[in-house]
Amino acid sequence: MKFLSLQPFVPSGNDFKSSKEFFQELGFTMNWDDGGYAGFEKDGCKFILQHFTDRSFAENFMLTVGVTNVDEFRKEVMDKQLPQRYGIRIGVVSNQPYGREVNIIDLAGVCWHFVEQ
């Protein structure tokens, strides 16, 4: 037996609707929406957004997403003015032992590590 996929449940925070919009603007496709849950995918990377609010949990939850070019990714986020429009935070590109990355803190407080591969 082998494992075929991993799809974490990611908390949306208080504003489920805005979180769904944000992830679509980030480039994910919403494949389904079942009220309190929505499935997102981009290039085979999948997660389930859950209408769940627990700030303490969200602020201690982190995900890593591999990208081809972290500088282009950050520029796209800034060009779309996602921090101003959604209140997210985005860091500067930094070098880490595991690669170049930029972090985004989403609407719920989850830290997304976008790492160049």
Protein backbone atom coordinates (compact mmCIF):
# COMPACT_ATOMS: atom_id res chain seq x y z
CA MET A 1 0.00 0.00 0.00
CA LYS A 2 1.19 3.52 -0.76
CA PHE A 3 -0.12 6.93 0.21
CA LEU A 4 -1.63 8.83 -2.71
CA SER A 5 -2.20 12.36 -1.46
CA LEU A 6 -2.30 14.71 1.48
CA GLN A 7 -5.01 17.35 1.80
CA PRO A 8 -4.86 19.35 5.01
CA PHE A 9 -7.94 21.01 6.45
CA VAL A 10 -7.05 24.71 6.72
CA PRO A 11 -9.06 27.02 8.99
CA SER A 12 -10.70 29.98 7.27
CA GLY A 13 -11.06 32.26 10.26
CA ASN A 14 -14.17 34.37 10.78
CA ASP A 15 -14.75 35.35 7.15
CA PHE A 16 -15.16 32.13 5.17
CA LYS A 17 -16.38 33.97 2.06
CA SER A 18 -13.38 36.32 1.94
CA SER A 19 -10.99 33.44 2.59
CA LYS A 20 -12.44 31.57 -0.40
CA GLU A 21 -12.06 34.67 -2.56
CA PHE A 22 -8.48 35.20 -1.37
CA PHE A 23 -7.33 31.69 -2.24
CA GLN A 24 -8.91 31.98 -5.68
CA GLU A 25 -7.06 35.25 -6.25
CA LEU A 26 -3.89 33.52 -5.08
CA GLY A 27 -4.34 31.15 -8.03
CA PHE A 28 -6.18 28.17 -6.56
CA THR A 29 -9.33 26.78 -8.18
CA MET A 30 -12.27 26.05 -5.92
CA ASN A 31 -13.35 22.58 -7.09
CA TRP A 32 -16.28 22.24 -4.73
CA ASP A 33 -18.09 24.09 -1.94
CA ASP A 34 -20.25 22.32 0.62
CA GLY A 35 -21.20 25.19 2.89
CA GLY A 36 -18.64 24.92 5.68
CA TYR A 37 -15.94 23.25 3.56
CA ALA A 38 -14.44 24.04 0.15
CA GLY A 39 -11.88 22.11 -1.86
CA PHE A 40 -9.04 24.02 -3.52
CA GLU A 41 -6.43 22.90 -6.04
CA LYS A 42 -3.62 24.33 -8.14
CA ASP A 43 -1.19 22.24 -10.15
CA GLY A 44 -1.93 19.14 -8.07
CA CYS A 45 -1.56 20.95 -4.71
CA LYS A 46 -4.81 20.51 -2.77
CA PHE A 47 -6.30 21.57 0.53
CA ILE A 48 -9.72 21.83 2.12
CA LEU A 49 -10.71 25.20 3.53
CA GLN A 50 -12.84 24.72 6.63
CA HIS A 51 -15.12 27.38 8.08
CA PHE A 52 -13.41 27.16 11.44
CA THR A 53 -12.29 29.90 13.77
CA ASP A 54 -9.67 29.24 16.41
CA ARG A 55 -7.05 31.98 16.30
CA SER A 56 -4.64 30.13 18.57
CA PHE A 57 -4.75 27.02 16.39
CA ALA A 58 -4.45 28.98 13.14
CA GLU A 59 -1.48 31.01 14.37
CA ASN A 60 0.36 27.76 15.11
CA PHE A 61 -0.51 26.05 11.83
CA MET A 62 1.97 26.19 8.93
CA LEU A 63 2.04 24.78 5.42
CA THR A 64 4.73 24.60 2.76
CA VAL A 65 3.91 25.03 -0.92
CA GLY A 66 6.58 24.49 -3.56
CA VAL A 67 6.74 27.11 -6.32
CA THR A 68 8.99 27.48 -9.35
CA ASN A 69 9.96 31.11 -8.72
CA VAL A 70 9.43 32.74 -5.34
CA ASP A 71 10.25 36.25 -6.63
CA GLU A 72 7.61 36.03 -9.37
CA PHE A 73 5.11 34.64 -6.88
CA ARG A 74 5.67 37.52 -4.44
CA LYS A 75 5.48 40.08 -7.25
CA GLU A 76 2.15 38.65 -8.41
CA VAL A 77 0.71 38.84 -4.88
CA MET A 78 1.88 42.45 -4.56
CA ASP A 79 0.67 43.43 -8.05
CA LYS A 80 -2.80 42.14 -7.16
CA GLN A 81 -2.64 44.18 -3.93
CA LEU A 82 -3.75 41.16 -1.90
CA PRO A 83 -2.28 42.46 1.39
CA GLN A 84 -4.25 45.70 1.09
CA ARG A 85 -7.43 44.04 -0.16
CA TYR A 86 -7.56 41.09 2.27
CA GLY A 87 -5.46 42.19 5.24
CA ILE A 88 -2.97 39.37 4.77
CA ARG A 89 0.71 39.78 5.54
CA ILE A 90 3.51 38.87 3.18
CA GLY A 91 7.18 38.74 4.07
CA VAL A 92 10.24 39.41 2.01
CA VAL A 93 12.01 36.65 0.12
CA SER A 94 14.55 34.99 2.40
CA ASN A 95 17.07 32.18 2.18
CA GLN A 96 16.39 29.22 4.44
CA PRO A 97 18.27 25.93 4.80
CA TYR A 98 15.48 24.27 2.76
CA GLY A 99 15.35 26.93 -0.01
CA ARG A 100 14.32 30.46 -0.87
CA GLU A 101 10.92 31.32 0.52
CA VAL A 102 8.32 33.98 1.11
CA ASN A 103 5.72 33.68 3.87
CA ILE A 104 2.09 34.70 3.78
CA ILE A 105 -0.08 34.97 6.88
CA ASP A 106 -3.62 34.40 5.62
CA LEU A 107 -6.91 35.81 6.92
CA ALA A 108 -7.14 33.22 9.71
CA GLY A 109 -3.51 33.61 10.81
CA VAL A 110 -2.12 30.48 9.10
CA CYS A 111 1.50 30.81 7.92
CA TRP A 112 2.02 29.61 4.34
CA HIS A 113 5.66 29.03 3.32
CA PHE A 114 6.01 29.37 -0.44
CA VAL A 115 9.37 27.75 -1.18
CA GLU A 116 11.23 27.79 -4.48
CA GLN A 117 12.04 24.33 -5.77
